[in-house]
Amino acid sequence: MFRKPERGGMNMRRVVLFIAMSLDGYIADREGGVDWLKGQDEDGEDIDVYSDFVKGVDTVVMGWNTYHQIVTELSPSEWIYADLKSYVITHREAVFGEKVVFSQENPCDLVRRLAKEEGKDIWICGGAEVVRQLMREDLIDIYYLTVIPVILGKGIRLFGGLDREINLKLRKTQSYNGITDLVYERKS
């Protein structure tokens, strides 16, 4: 369905942004919370798109704030990406873990390096600033956006100002319980 990116004459791993956002483009509310990530009906049918998606990735890249939210709020008792090689972009001094690598490397340089290695797709999990840096350098191949039926009004915006446009091609849509998944591929 999706093409394998070719940069510099060699096939590379795909870089996939897989993220949820509000209808007005926020990935977190005013306080940085994500408790609004749900469908329109409590007992409505939800599709487990994550389980299918994660089968195609073996690496996850995220910023410090995303990592911190996972380990303090969303899953404090266990690292939820234990089956993936995890990279956390941070300027903080951090100890390398068995399952998590803390990196002070520029996100674009890190992703370029990882894309040249053997493996499955590379998942960009968040946060917004990491995503924006990768978008500025046109390093995201697939945009898998889950639009949640809520308008937050304020918060952490996913897409900030860019100095150029990025053309995409719609590859897939699906809707369930008021949620809409939009999957785009970067045009060549």
Protein backbone atom coordinates (compact mmCIF):
# COMPACT_ATOMS: atom_id res chain seq x y z
CA MET A 1 0.00 0.00 0.00
CA PHE A 2 2.75 2.46 0.91
CA ARG A 3 5.99 2.94 -0.92
CA LYS A 4 9.34 2.42 0.73
CA PRO A 5 11.14 5.80 0.82
CA GLU A 6 14.26 6.16 -1.22
CA ARG A 7 16.80 8.73 -0.12
CA GLY A 8 20.21 8.95 -1.64
CA GLY A 9 19.59 5.94 -3.90
CA MET A 10 18.92 3.44 -1.11
CA ASN A 11 15.73 2.05 0.37
CA MET A 12 15.18 3.20 3.90
CA ARG A 13 12.89 2.43 6.79
CA ARG A 14 9.70 4.46 6.78
CA VAL A 15 9.19 7.17 9.37
CA VAL A 16 5.58 7.16 10.58
CA LEU A 17 3.84 9.77 12.69
CA PHE A 18 1.09 7.88 14.56
CA ILE A 19 -0.71 10.29 16.84
CA ALA A 20 -4.13 11.41 18.05
CA MET A 21 -5.33 14.99 17.98
CA SER A 22 -8.45 17.00 18.70
CA LEU A 23 -10.56 18.27 15.82
CA ASP A 24 -8.85 21.64 16.19
CA GLY A 25 -5.35 20.13 16.00
CA TYR A 26 -4.19 19.78 19.62
CA ILE A 27 -2.38 16.72 21.01
CA ALA A 28 -2.79 17.75 24.65
CA ASP A 29 -5.09 20.09 26.54
CA ARG A 30 -4.17 23.30 28.41
CA GLU A 31 -2.57 21.35 31.25
CA GLY A 32 -0.86 18.84 28.96
CA GLY A 33 -3.48 16.18 29.69
CA VAL A 34 -4.86 13.58 27.31
CA ASP A 35 -7.88 12.25 29.19
CA TRP A 36 -10.06 13.50 26.31
CA LEU A 37 -8.69 10.73 24.02
CA LYS A 38 -11.92 8.79 23.67
CA GLY A 39 -14.81 8.29 21.31
CA GLN A 40 -18.14 10.06 21.43
CA ASP A 41 -20.04 7.30 23.29
CA GLU A 42 -18.84 5.54 26.45
CA ASP A 43 -20.24 2.23 25.22
CA GLY A 44 -19.53 2.88 21.53
CA GLU A 45 -17.47 0.49 19.48
CA ASP A 46 -13.77 1.33 19.29
CA ILE A 47 -11.36 -0.30 16.87
CA ASP A 48 -7.92 -1.35 18.12
CA VAL A 49 -5.86 0.35 15.43
CA TYR A 50 -2.78 0.47 17.66
CA SER A 51 -2.27 -3.33 17.75
CA ASP A 52 -2.26 -3.54 13.96
CA PHE A 53 -0.06 -0.48 13.60
CA VAL A 54 2.59 -1.58 16.11
CA LYS A 55 3.15 -4.88 14.26
CA GLY A 56 4.89 -2.88 11.55
CA VAL A 57 7.28 -0.94 13.80
CA ASP A 58 10.25 -1.87 15.93
CA THR A 59 11.46 1.58 16.97
CA VAL A 60 9.71 4.47 18.72
CA VAL A 61 11.02 8.03 19.01
CA MET A 62 9.57 10.61 21.38
CA GLY A 63 10.41 13.81 23.22
CA TRP A 64 10.97 14.11 26.96
CA ASN A 65 7.47 15.41 27.75
CA THR A 66 5.83 12.46 26.01
CA TYR A 67 8.13 10.04 27.84
CA HIS A 68 7.48 11.75 31.18
CA GLN A 69 3.71 11.59 30.69
CA ILE A 70 3.89 7.88 29.88
CA VAL A 71 5.96 6.95 32.94
CA THR A 72 4.16 9.24 35.41
CA GLU A 73 0.52 9.15 34.25
CA LEU A 74 -0.32 6.67 31.54
CA SER A 75 1.73 3.63 32.59
CA PRO A 76 3.84 4.27 35.70
CA SER A 77 4.23 0.60 36.64
CA GLU A 78 5.67 -0.73 33.35
CA TRP A 79 7.22 0.55 30.15
CA ILE A 80 4.41 0.09 27.63
CA TYR A 81 6.76 -0.09 24.63
CA ALA A 82 8.88 -2.92 25.99
CA ASP A 83 8.86 -4.73 22.63
CA LEU A 84 10.22 -1.68 20.79
CA LYS A 85 13.58 0.03 20.81
CA SER A 86 12.71 3.38 22.39
CA TYR A 87 14.55 6.67 21.94
CA VAL A 88 13.78 9.71 24.07
CA ILE A 89 15.05 13.05 22.78
CA THR A 90 16.18 15.15 25.75
CA HIS A 91 18.80 17.62 26.84
CA ARG A 92 18.60 16.22 30.36
CA GLU A 93 21.33 13.99 31.68
CA ALA A 94 19.74 10.56 31.76
CA VAL A 95 20.98 7.05 32.24
CA PHE A 96 20.63 4.63 29.35
CA GLY A 97 18.19 1.91 30.16
CA GLU A 98 17.79 -1.56 28.78
CA LYS A 99 14.59 -0.62 27.00
CA VAL A 100 14.95 3.13 26.62
CA VAL A 101 17.81 5.16 25.12
CA PHE A 102 17.97 8.81 26.15
CA SER A 103 19.54 10.84 23.36
CA GLN A 104 20.77 14.40 23.12
CA GLU A 105 21.11 13.93 19.37
CA ASN A 106 19.19 16.26 17.08
CA PRO A 107 15.88 14.48 16.27
CA CYS A 108 16.46 14.81 12.51
CA ASP A 109 19.97 13.38 12.73
CA LEU A 110 18.74 10.53 14.93
CA VAL A 111 15.89 9.62 12.57
CA ARG A 112 18.15 9.81 9.50
CA ARG A 113 20.62 7.46 11.20
CA LEU A 114 17.92 5.02 12.34
CA ALA A 115 16.29 5.02 8.88
CA LYS A 116 19.52 3.67 7.37
CA GLU A 117 19.58 0.70 9.75
CA GLU A 118 17.82 -2.59 9.08
CA GLY A 119 14.42 -2.93 10.64
CA LYS A 120 10.75 -2.17 10.52
CA ASP A 121 9.15 1.27 10.45
CA ILE A 122 10.14 4.01 12.88
CA TRP A 123 7.24 5.42 14.90
CA ILE A 124 7.27 9.08 15.87
CA CYS A 125 5.14 9.08 19.00
CA GLY A 126 5.39 12.76 19.99
CA GLY A 127 5.81 15.47 21.10
CA ALA A 128 4.90 18.40 18.99
CA GLU A 129 8.37 19.97 18.79
CA VAL A 130 9.99 16.70 17.68
CA VAL A 131 7.28 16.35 15.01
CA ARG A 132 7.78 19.92 13.81
CA GLN A 133 11.54 19.47 13.47
CA LEU A 134 11.05 16.30 11.42
CA MET A 135 8.42 18.01 9.26
CA ARG A 136 10.71 20.97 8.56
CA GLU A 137 13.25 18.53 7.10
CA ASP A 138 10.55 16.47 5.33
CA LEU A 139 11.48 13.28 7.17
CA ILE A 140 7.99 11.93 7.88
CA ASP A 141 6.83 9.44 5.26
CA ILE A 142 3.41 8.49 6.68
CA TYR A 143 1.03 10.66 8.72
CA TYR A 144 -1.40 8.45 10.66
CA LEU A 145 -3.68 10.92 12.41
CA THR A 146 -6.52 9.89 14.69
CA VAL A 147 -8.99 12.76 15.03
CA ILE A 148 -10.90 12.70 18.32
CA PRO A 149 -14.39 14.29 18.43
CA VAL A 150 -13.52 17.19 20.73
CA ILE A 151 -12.55 20.83 20.24
CA LEU A 152 -10.09 21.84 22.95
CA GLY A 153 -9.64 25.50 22.05
CA LYS A 154 -6.16 25.65 23.60
CA GLY A 155 -3.34 23.29 24.40
CA ILE A 156 -0.33 21.84 22.62
CA ARG A 157 -0.84 22.22 18.89
CA LEU A 158 0.46 19.41 16.69
CA PHE A 159 1.17 21.42 13.58
CA GLY A 160 2.91 24.72 14.10
CA GLY A 161 4.10 27.16 11.50
CA LEU A 162 6.26 25.77 8.72
CA ASP A 163 8.10 27.80 6.13
CA ARG A 164 6.84 25.60 3.28
CA GLU A 165 4.01 23.29 2.41
CA ILE A 166 4.13 19.51 2.55
CA ASN A 167 2.01 17.75 -0.04
CA LEU A 168 0.36 14.51 1.01
CA LYS A 169 -1.68 11.79 -0.63
CA LEU A 170 -4.64 10.29 1.24
CA ARG A 171 -4.22 6.51 1.54
CA LYS A 172 -6.89 5.45 4.01
CA THR A 173 -9.75 6.66 6.17
CA GLN A 174 -11.91 4.92 8.71
CA SER A 175 -14.43 6.09 11.28
CA TYR A 176 -15.68 4.52 14.48
CA ASN A 177 -17.40 5.92 17.57
CA GLY A 178 -17.00 9.49 16.28
CA ILE A 179 -13.24 9.02 15.79
CA THR A 180 -11.73 9.34 12.31
CA ASP A 181 -8.39 7.89 11.26
CA LEU A 182 -6.68 9.68 8.37
CA VAL A 183 -3.63 8.07 6.82
CA TYR A 184 -1.55 10.15 4.43
CA GLU A 185 1.65 9.42 2.54
CA ARG A 186 4.16 12.11 1.68
CA LYS A 187 4.11 12.83 -2.05
CA SER A 188 7.38 12.41 -3.89
